[in-house]
Amino acid sequence: MAGKKAHVSETPATQALRLRAIPVQLHVYDYVDHGGTAESARQLGVQEHAVIKTLVMQDESAKPLIVLMHGDRSVSTKNLARQIARKSIEPCKPEVAQRHTGYQVGGTSPFGIRKQMPVYVEASVLELPIIYINAGRRGCLMSIEPRVLVDLLAAQPVNCAL
């Protein structure tokens, strides 16, 4: 199944990309609570490794940051903290993440976020030909070239996958 064909209203993420003339293709699927990237990949018929999670984390001073990670991998917060010269990194609580980004957890995109923050991307994500990343709404991913992460977000490559 290639995803449902449905009209999806614009989100801050899709608007941010449209305003910069970045081509995106939207992929709608039936959102399942706690289904995560495995569920969206299954419904869209794509590899979970190419579905990129947008994780909102914070350092020891509660300063937020975004980590973009393969759907089938986890983040080593210790390795990440070491690489970005922080004492510690931990996930934000869902309500804090929503306050920082303006997106509901499960629909968080790194594009069009409410509060600017540093973005880190697992280096191997940038080697993929195409990635599927949240479009700013639960049940909707967009496919883009990974270089857009660096070009638009100044995403810094890291090696922190588990």
N, C-alpha and C. Protein backbone atom coordinates (compact mmCIF):
# COMPACT_ATOMS: atom_id res chain seq x y z
N MET A 1 0.85 -1.18 0.00
CA MET A 1 0.00 0.00 0.00
C MET A 1 0.89 1.24 0.00
N ALA A 2 0.64 2.13 -0.89
CA ALA A 2 1.48 3.32 -1.03
C ALA A 2 0.99 4.49 -0.20
N GLY A 3 0.04 4.26 0.67
CA GLY A 3 -0.48 5.36 1.48
C GLY A 3 -1.77 5.86 0.86
N LYS A 4 -2.64 6.36 1.71
CA LYS A 4 -3.93 6.86 1.25
C LYS A 4 -3.75 8.17 0.49
N LYS A 5 -4.57 8.38 -0.50
CA LYS A 5 -4.60 9.67 -1.19
C LYS A 5 -5.68 10.49 -0.50
N ALA A 6 -5.27 11.47 0.25
CA ALA A 6 -6.22 12.31 0.96
C ALA A 6 -5.68 13.72 0.96
N HIS A 7 -6.59 14.67 1.02
CA HIS A 7 -6.14 16.05 1.13
C HIS A 7 -5.64 16.26 2.56
N VAL A 8 -4.45 16.81 2.67
CA VAL A 8 -3.88 17.09 3.98
C VAL A 8 -3.64 18.59 4.03
N SER A 9 -4.24 19.23 5.03
CA SER A 9 -4.05 20.67 5.12
C SER A 9 -2.61 20.98 5.51
N GLU A 10 -2.18 22.16 5.13
CA GLU A 10 -0.79 22.55 5.36
C GLU A 10 -0.49 22.63 6.86
N THR A 11 0.73 22.30 7.20
CA THR A 11 1.23 22.41 8.58
C THR A 11 2.38 23.41 8.55
N PRO A 12 2.84 23.87 9.71
CA PRO A 12 4.02 24.74 9.70
C PRO A 12 5.21 24.09 8.97
N ALA A 13 5.32 22.76 9.07
CA ALA A 13 6.43 22.04 8.41
C ALA A 13 6.31 22.11 6.90
N THR A 14 5.14 21.76 6.37
CA THR A 14 4.97 21.77 4.92
C THR A 14 5.05 23.19 4.38
N GLN A 15 4.54 24.14 5.14
CA GLN A 15 4.60 25.54 4.73
C GLN A 15 6.06 26.01 4.66
N ALA A 16 6.87 25.65 5.67
CA ALA A 16 8.28 26.06 5.69
C ALA A 16 9.01 25.54 4.46
N LEU A 17 8.72 24.31 4.06
CA LEU A 17 9.38 23.73 2.89
C LEU A 17 8.84 24.34 1.59
N ARG A 18 7.53 24.54 1.51
CA ARG A 18 6.93 25.14 0.31
C ARG A 18 7.49 26.55 0.07
N LEU A 19 7.63 27.32 1.15
CA LEU A 19 8.14 28.69 1.02
C LEU A 19 9.58 28.72 0.52
N ARG A 20 10.30 27.63 0.70
CA ARG A 20 11.69 27.54 0.23
C ARG A 20 11.80 26.72 -1.05
N ALA A 21 10.66 26.44 -1.66
CA ALA A 21 10.59 25.69 -2.92
C ALA A 21 11.26 24.32 -2.84
N ILE A 22 11.12 23.66 -1.68
CA ILE A 22 11.66 22.31 -1.50
C ILE A 22 10.55 21.32 -1.87
N PRO A 23 10.81 20.45 -2.86
CA PRO A 23 9.77 19.49 -3.24
C PRO A 23 9.58 18.41 -2.17
N VAL A 24 8.34 18.18 -1.81
CA VAL A 24 8.01 17.12 -0.86
C VAL A 24 6.84 16.32 -1.42
N GLN A 25 6.81 15.08 -1.02
CA GLN A 25 5.66 14.23 -1.35
C GLN A 25 5.07 13.78 -0.03
N LEU A 26 3.77 13.97 0.14
CA LEU A 26 3.11 13.59 1.38
C LEU A 26 2.63 12.15 1.31
N HIS A 27 2.71 11.46 2.45
CA HIS A 27 2.29 10.06 2.56
C HIS A 27 1.40 9.95 3.79
N VAL A 28 0.11 9.73 3.57
CA VAL A 28 -0.86 9.65 4.66
C VAL A 28 -1.06 8.19 5.04
N TYR A 29 -1.14 7.95 6.34
CA TYR A 29 -1.40 6.60 6.85
C TYR A 29 -2.31 6.71 8.07
N ASP A 30 -2.85 5.59 8.51
CA ASP A 30 -3.71 5.58 9.69
C ASP A 30 -2.83 5.57 10.94
N TYR A 31 -2.84 6.69 11.67
CA TYR A 31 -2.02 6.80 12.88
C TYR A 31 -2.51 5.80 13.92
N VAL A 32 -1.57 5.11 14.55
CA VAL A 32 -1.87 4.15 15.61
C VAL A 32 -1.09 4.58 16.85
N ASP A 33 -1.79 4.80 17.97
CA ASP A 33 -1.10 5.17 19.21
C ASP A 33 -0.01 4.15 19.52
N HIS A 34 1.17 4.63 19.79
CA HIS A 34 2.34 3.82 20.15
C HIS A 34 2.78 2.88 19.02
N GLY A 35 2.30 3.12 17.79
CA GLY A 35 2.70 2.29 16.67
C GLY A 35 4.08 2.67 16.16
N GLY A 36 4.42 3.93 16.31
CA GLY A 36 5.74 4.42 15.96
C GLY A 36 6.10 4.24 14.50
N THR A 37 7.41 4.25 14.26
CA THR A 37 7.90 4.18 12.88
C THR A 37 7.65 2.80 12.26
N ALA A 38 7.58 1.75 13.08
CA ALA A 38 7.32 0.42 12.54
C ALA A 38 5.95 0.39 11.86
N GLU A 39 4.98 1.00 12.50
CA GLU A 39 3.61 1.01 11.95
C GLU A 39 3.53 1.88 10.70
N SER A 40 4.11 3.07 10.74
CA SER A 40 4.03 3.93 9.55
C SER A 40 4.79 3.30 8.38
N ALA A 41 5.94 2.70 8.64
CA ALA A 41 6.71 2.04 7.58
C ALA A 41 5.91 0.88 6.99
N ARG A 42 5.28 0.10 7.85
CA ARG A 42 4.48 -1.04 7.38
C ARG A 42 3.35 -0.56 6.48
N GLN A 43 2.60 0.44 6.94
CA GLN A 43 1.46 0.92 6.14
C GLN A 43 1.89 1.55 4.82
N LEU A 44 3.02 2.23 4.83
CA LEU A 44 3.47 2.91 3.61
C LEU A 44 4.32 2.03 2.71
N GLY A 45 4.70 0.84 3.21
CA GLY A 45 5.48 -0.08 2.41
C GLY A 45 6.91 0.39 2.18
N VAL A 46 7.49 1.03 3.20
CA VAL A 46 8.87 1.50 3.10
C VAL A 46 9.69 0.89 4.23
N GLN A 47 11.01 0.93 4.10
CA GLN A 47 11.86 0.39 5.15
C GLN A 47 11.84 1.31 6.37
N GLU A 48 11.71 0.71 7.55
CA GLU A 48 11.68 1.52 8.78
C GLU A 48 12.97 2.32 8.96
N HIS A 49 14.07 1.83 8.42
CA HIS A 49 15.36 2.52 8.53
C HIS A 49 15.32 3.89 7.84
N ALA A 50 14.45 4.04 6.83
CA ALA A 50 14.32 5.30 6.08
C ALA A 50 13.28 6.25 6.69
N VAL A 51 12.53 5.75 7.69
CA VAL A 51 11.57 6.59 8.41
C VAL A 51 12.34 7.23 9.57
N ILE A 52 12.39 8.54 9.58
CA ILE A 52 13.24 9.26 10.53
C ILE A 52 12.40 9.84 11.67
N LYS A 53 12.80 9.50 12.89
CA LYS A 53 12.13 10.01 14.09
C LYS A 53 12.68 11.39 14.42
N THR A 54 11.79 12.29 14.85
CA THR A 54 12.18 13.61 15.35
C THR A 54 12.03 13.56 16.86
N LEU A 55 13.15 13.52 17.56
CA LEU A 55 13.14 13.38 19.02
C LEU A 55 13.55 14.68 19.68
N VAL A 56 12.70 15.17 20.58
CA VAL A 56 13.00 16.41 21.30
C VAL A 56 13.61 16.02 22.63
N MET A 57 14.84 16.49 22.84
CA MET A 57 15.58 16.15 24.05
C MET A 57 16.04 17.43 24.72
N GLN A 58 16.66 17.28 25.87
CA GLN A 58 17.19 18.45 26.57
C GLN A 58 18.50 18.08 27.24
N ASP A 59 19.34 19.12 27.44
CA ASP A 59 20.61 18.89 28.12
C ASP A 59 20.44 19.12 29.62
N GLU A 60 21.56 19.08 30.33
CA GLU A 60 21.54 19.22 31.79
C GLU A 60 20.98 20.56 32.25
N SER A 61 20.98 21.56 31.39
CA SER A 61 20.43 22.89 31.73
C SER A 61 19.00 23.05 31.24
N ALA A 62 18.39 21.95 30.81
CA ALA A 62 17.03 21.94 30.26
C ALA A 62 16.92 22.73 28.96
N LYS A 63 18.06 22.88 28.25
CA LYS A 63 18.05 23.53 26.93
C LYS A 63 17.64 22.47 25.90
N PRO A 64 16.61 22.77 25.10
CA PRO A 64 16.11 21.76 24.16
C PRO A 64 16.99 21.60 22.92
N LEU A 65 16.90 20.42 22.33
CA LEU A 65 17.58 20.11 21.09
C LEU A 65 16.79 19.02 20.39
N ILE A 66 17.01 18.90 19.09
CA ILE A 66 16.33 17.87 18.31
C ILE A 66 17.35 16.86 17.81
N VAL A 67 16.99 15.58 17.89
CA VAL A 67 17.81 14.50 17.33
C VAL A 67 16.97 13.79 16.29
N LEU A 68 17.53 13.64 15.09
CA LEU A 68 16.87 12.92 14.00
C LEU A 68 17.54 11.56 13.88
N MET A 69 16.73 10.51 14.05
CA MET A 69 17.27 9.15 14.13
C MET A 69 16.46 8.20 13.27
N HIS A 70 17.15 7.18 12.72
CA HIS A 70 16.48 6.11 11.97
C HIS A 70 15.37 5.52 12.85
N GLY A 71 14.26 5.18 12.22
CA GLY A 71 13.14 4.61 12.96
C GLY A 71 13.46 3.31 13.65
N ASP A 72 14.38 2.54 13.10
CA ASP A 72 14.70 1.24 13.69
C ASP A 72 15.91 1.29 14.63
N ARG A 73 16.32 2.47 15.02
CA ARG A 73 17.46 2.62 15.93
C ARG A 73 17.06 3.50 17.11
N SER A 74 17.85 3.45 18.17
CA SER A 74 17.64 4.30 19.35
C SER A 74 18.82 5.24 19.49
N VAL A 75 18.66 6.23 20.36
CA VAL A 75 19.72 7.21 20.61
C VAL A 75 20.47 6.83 21.87
N SER A 76 21.79 6.77 21.77
CA SER A 76 22.63 6.66 22.96
C SER A 76 22.82 8.08 23.49
N THR A 77 22.10 8.41 24.55
CA THR A 77 22.20 9.77 25.08
C THR A 77 23.59 10.06 25.63
N LYS A 78 24.28 9.02 26.11
CA LYS A 78 25.65 9.20 26.61
C LYS A 78 26.60 9.57 25.46
N ASN A 79 26.50 8.83 24.35
CA ASN A 79 27.35 9.13 23.19
C ASN A 79 27.02 10.50 22.62
N LEU A 80 25.74 10.83 22.57
CA LEU A 80 25.34 12.13 22.05
C LEU A 80 25.88 13.25 22.92
N ALA A 81 25.71 13.12 24.23
CA ALA A 81 26.20 14.15 25.16
C ALA A 81 27.70 14.35 24.98
N ARG A 82 28.43 13.27 24.87
CA ARG A 82 29.88 13.34 24.71
C ARG A 82 30.24 14.08 23.41
N GLN A 83 29.54 13.76 22.33
CA GLN A 83 29.86 14.36 21.03
C GLN A 83 29.51 15.83 20.93
N ILE A 84 28.50 16.28 21.67
CA ILE A 84 28.10 17.68 21.57
C ILE A 84 28.50 18.47 22.82
N ALA A 85 29.43 17.89 23.59
CA ALA A 85 30.01 18.56 24.76
C ALA A 85 28.97 19.01 25.79
N ARG A 86 28.07 18.08 26.13
CA ARG A 86 27.10 18.33 27.19
C ARG A 86 27.35 17.30 28.29
N LYS A 87 26.94 17.64 29.51
CA LYS A 87 27.10 16.69 30.62
C LYS A 87 26.12 15.53 30.49
N SER A 88 24.88 15.85 30.12
CA SER A 88 23.87 14.81 29.96
C SER A 88 22.80 15.26 28.99
N ILE A 89 22.13 14.26 28.43
CA ILE A 89 21.01 14.48 27.51
C ILE A 89 19.91 13.52 27.94
N GLU A 90 18.67 14.01 27.92
CA GLU A 90 17.53 13.14 28.21
C GLU A 90 16.34 13.59 27.37
N PRO A 91 15.41 12.67 27.10
CA PRO A 91 14.22 13.07 26.36
C PRO A 91 13.39 14.08 27.15
N CYS A 92 12.77 15.00 26.45
CA CYS A 92 11.83 15.93 27.09
C CYS A 92 10.53 15.18 27.38
N LYS A 93 9.82 15.62 28.40
CA LYS A 93 8.48 15.10 28.63
C LYS A 93 7.61 15.55 27.45
N PRO A 94 6.59 14.75 27.08
CA PRO A 94 5.77 15.09 25.91
C PRO A 94 5.20 16.51 25.94
N GLU A 95 4.72 16.96 27.08
CA GLU A 95 4.14 18.31 27.13
C GLU A 95 5.20 19.40 26.95
N VAL A 96 6.42 19.14 27.39
CA VAL A 96 7.53 20.09 27.21
C VAL A 96 7.94 20.11 25.73
N ALA A 97 8.04 18.92 25.13
CA ALA A 97 8.38 18.83 23.71
C ALA A 97 7.35 19.58 22.87
N GLN A 98 6.08 19.43 23.21
CA GLN A 98 5.02 20.11 22.46
C GLN A 98 5.13 21.63 22.62
N ARG A 99 5.47 22.07 23.81
CA ARG A 99 5.63 23.51 24.05
C ARG A 99 6.79 24.07 23.21
N HIS A 100 7.89 23.33 23.14
CA HIS A 100 9.05 23.79 22.36
C HIS A 100 8.79 23.80 20.86
N THR A 101 8.11 22.78 20.36
CA THR A 101 7.97 22.62 18.91
C THR A 101 6.65 23.14 18.34
N GLY A 102 5.61 23.11 19.15
CA GLY A 102 4.28 23.44 18.65
C GLY A 102 3.59 22.24 18.04
N TYR A 103 4.24 21.08 18.05
CA TYR A 103 3.66 19.86 17.48
C TYR A 103 3.29 18.88 18.57
N GLN A 104 2.23 18.11 18.29
CA GLN A 104 1.81 17.03 19.18
C GLN A 104 2.79 15.87 19.02
N VAL A 105 3.14 15.22 20.13
CA VAL A 105 4.03 14.07 20.06
C VAL A 105 3.38 13.02 19.15
N GLY A 106 4.17 12.45 18.27
CA GLY A 106 3.64 11.54 17.26
C GLY A 106 3.44 12.26 15.93
N GLY A 107 3.53 13.59 15.98
CA GLY A 107 3.39 14.40 14.77
C GLY A 107 4.48 15.46 14.69
N THR A 108 5.57 15.26 15.44
CA THR A 108 6.63 16.26 15.51
C THR A 108 7.51 16.24 14.26
N SER A 109 7.65 17.41 13.66
CA SER A 109 8.54 17.59 12.52
C SER A 109 9.67 18.53 12.96
N PRO A 110 10.86 18.39 12.39
CA PRO A 110 11.92 19.35 12.72
C PRO A 110 11.77 20.67 11.98
N PHE A 111 10.84 20.72 11.00
CA PHE A 111 10.62 21.92 10.20
C PHE A 111 9.46 22.72 10.79
N GLY A 112 9.59 24.04 10.75
CA GLY A 112 8.49 24.90 11.19
C GLY A 112 8.23 24.84 12.68
N ILE A 113 9.27 24.59 13.46
CA ILE A 113 9.08 24.50 14.91
C ILE A 113 8.91 25.88 15.54
N ARG A 114 8.27 25.90 16.69
CA ARG A 114 7.96 27.14 17.38
C ARG A 114 9.21 27.83 17.92
N LYS A 115 10.12 27.06 18.49
CA LYS A 115 11.30 27.62 19.15
C LYS A 115 12.55 27.06 18.45
N GLN A 116 13.40 27.93 17.96
CA GLN A 116 14.61 27.45 17.30
C GLN A 116 15.53 26.75 18.30
N MET A 117 16.09 25.65 17.88
CA MET A 117 16.99 24.87 18.73
C MET A 117 17.95 24.10 17.84
N PRO A 118 19.09 23.68 18.40
CA PRO A 118 20.04 22.92 17.59
C PRO A 118 19.43 21.59 17.12
N VAL A 119 19.81 21.18 15.92
CA VAL A 119 19.34 19.93 15.35
C VAL A 119 20.55 19.05 15.06
N TYR A 120 20.47 17.81 15.53
CA TYR A 120 21.53 16.82 15.29
C TYR A 120 20.90 15.66 14.52
N VAL A 121 21.66 15.11 13.58
CA VAL A 121 21.16 14.02 12.75
C VAL A 121 22.18 12.89 12.77
N GLU A 122 21.69 11.68 12.95
CA GLU A 122 22.56 10.51 12.85
C GLU A 122 23.19 10.54 11.47
N ALA A 123 24.52 10.49 11.41
CA ALA A 123 25.26 10.70 10.16
C ALA A 123 24.79 9.79 9.03
N SER A 124 24.46 8.53 9.33
CA SER A 124 24.06 7.60 8.27
C SER A 124 22.72 7.96 7.64
N VAL A 125 21.90 8.77 8.31
CA VAL A 125 20.65 9.24 7.71
C VAL A 125 20.95 10.03 6.43
N LEU A 126 22.04 10.80 6.47
CA LEU A 126 22.41 11.65 5.34
C LEU A 126 22.88 10.85 4.13
N GLU A 127 23.15 9.55 4.31
CA GLU A 127 23.60 8.70 3.21
C GLU A 127 22.43 8.06 2.45
N LEU A 128 21.22 8.16 2.99
CA LEU A 128 20.05 7.56 2.34
C LEU A 128 19.65 8.38 1.12
N PRO A 129 19.10 7.74 0.09
CA PRO A 129 18.68 8.49 -1.09
C PRO A 129 17.44 9.36 -0.82
N ILE A 130 16.55 8.85 0.03
CA ILE A 130 15.33 9.58 0.37
C ILE A 130 14.95 9.20 1.80
N ILE A 131 14.36 10.14 2.52
CA ILE A 131 13.91 9.85 3.88
C ILE A 131 12.43 10.20 4.00
N TYR A 132 11.79 9.56 4.98
CA TYR A 132 10.40 9.82 5.31
C TYR A 132 10.40 10.42 6.71
N ILE A 133 9.90 11.63 6.82
CA ILE A 133 9.96 12.35 8.09
C ILE A 133 8.60 12.98 8.35
N ASN A 134 8.28 13.19 9.61
CA ASN A 134 6.95 13.69 9.94
C ASN A 134 6.68 15.04 9.28
N ALA A 135 5.47 15.18 8.79
CA ALA A 135 5.06 16.41 8.10
C ALA A 135 4.37 17.40 9.04
N GLY A 136 4.38 17.09 10.35
CA GLY A 136 3.80 18.02 11.31
C GLY A 136 2.41 17.65 11.79
N ARG A 137 2.02 16.43 11.49
CA ARG A 137 0.71 15.95 11.91
C ARG A 137 0.77 14.44 12.05
N ARG A 138 0.09 13.90 13.05
CA ARG A 138 0.03 12.45 13.19
C ARG A 138 -0.61 11.85 11.94
N GLY A 139 0.00 10.78 11.46
CA GLY A 139 -0.56 10.09 10.29
C GLY A 139 -0.14 10.68 8.95
N CYS A 140 0.90 11.49 8.95
CA CYS A 140 1.36 12.07 7.68
C CYS A 140 2.88 12.24 7.70
N LEU A 141 3.53 11.53 6.80
CA LEU A 141 4.98 11.67 6.60
C LEU A 141 5.20 12.35 5.27
N MET A 142 6.37 12.95 5.12
CA MET A 142 6.75 13.50 3.82
C MET A 142 8.09 12.90 3.43
N SER A 143 8.24 12.65 2.12
CA SER A 143 9.53 12.15 1.65
C SER A 143 10.31 13.32 1.08
N ILE A 144 11.57 13.39 1.51
CA ILE A 144 12.47 14.47 1.07
C ILE A 144 13.87 13.91 0.91
N GLU A 145 14.73 14.68 0.27
CA GLU A 145 16.14 14.31 0.20
C GLU A 145 16.78 14.68 1.53
N PRO A 146 17.63 13.82 2.09
CA PRO A 146 18.20 14.10 3.41
C PRO A 146 19.05 15.37 3.47
N ARG A 147 19.61 15.81 2.36
CA ARG A 147 20.44 17.02 2.39
C ARG A 147 19.65 18.24 2.85
N VAL A 148 18.31 18.19 2.70
CA VAL A 148 17.46 19.29 3.15
C VAL A 148 17.64 19.51 4.66
N LEU A 149 17.93 18.45 5.40
CA LEU A 149 18.13 18.56 6.85
C LEU A 149 19.31 19.48 7.15
N VAL A 150 20.36 19.36 6.37
CA VAL A 150 21.56 20.18 6.56
C VAL A 150 21.32 21.57 5.96
N ASP A 151 20.76 21.61 4.75
CA ASP A 151 20.56 22.89 4.06
C ASP A 151 19.61 23.82 4.81
N LEU A 152 18.50 23.30 5.30
CA LEU A 152 17.49 24.15 5.93
C LEU A 152 17.62 24.24 7.45
N LEU A 153 18.02 23.15 8.08
CA LEU A 153 18.04 23.10 9.55
C LEU A 153 19.45 23.24 10.13
N ALA A 154 20.45 23.25 9.28
CA ALA A 154 21.85 23.23 9.73
C ALA A 154 22.07 22.05 10.67
N ALA A 155 21.44 20.93 10.35
CA ALA A 155 21.58 19.73 11.18
C ALA A 155 23.03 19.27 11.20
N GLN A 156 23.52 19.00 12.39
CA GLN A 156 24.92 18.58 12.56
C GLN A 156 24.99 17.07 12.68
N PRO A 157 25.79 16.41 11.84
CA PRO A 157 25.90 14.96 11.92
C PRO A 157 26.55 14.49 13.22
N VAL A 158 25.99 13.42 13.79
CA VAL A 158 26.53 12.79 15.00
C VAL A 158 26.47 11.28 14.79
N ASN A 159 27.16 10.55 15.64
CA ASN A 159 27.11 9.08 15.63
C ASN A 159 26.68 8.62 17.01
N CYS A 160 25.38 8.44 17.19
CA CYS A 160 24.87 8.08 18.52
C CYS A 160 23.79 7.00 18.44
N ALA A 161 23.73 6.27 17.33
CA ALA A 161 22.70 5.22 17.16
C ALA A 161 23.04 3.98 17.96
N LEU A 162 22.01 3.38 18.51
CA LEU A 162 22.13 2.08 19.18
C LEU A 162 21.38 1.04 18.37
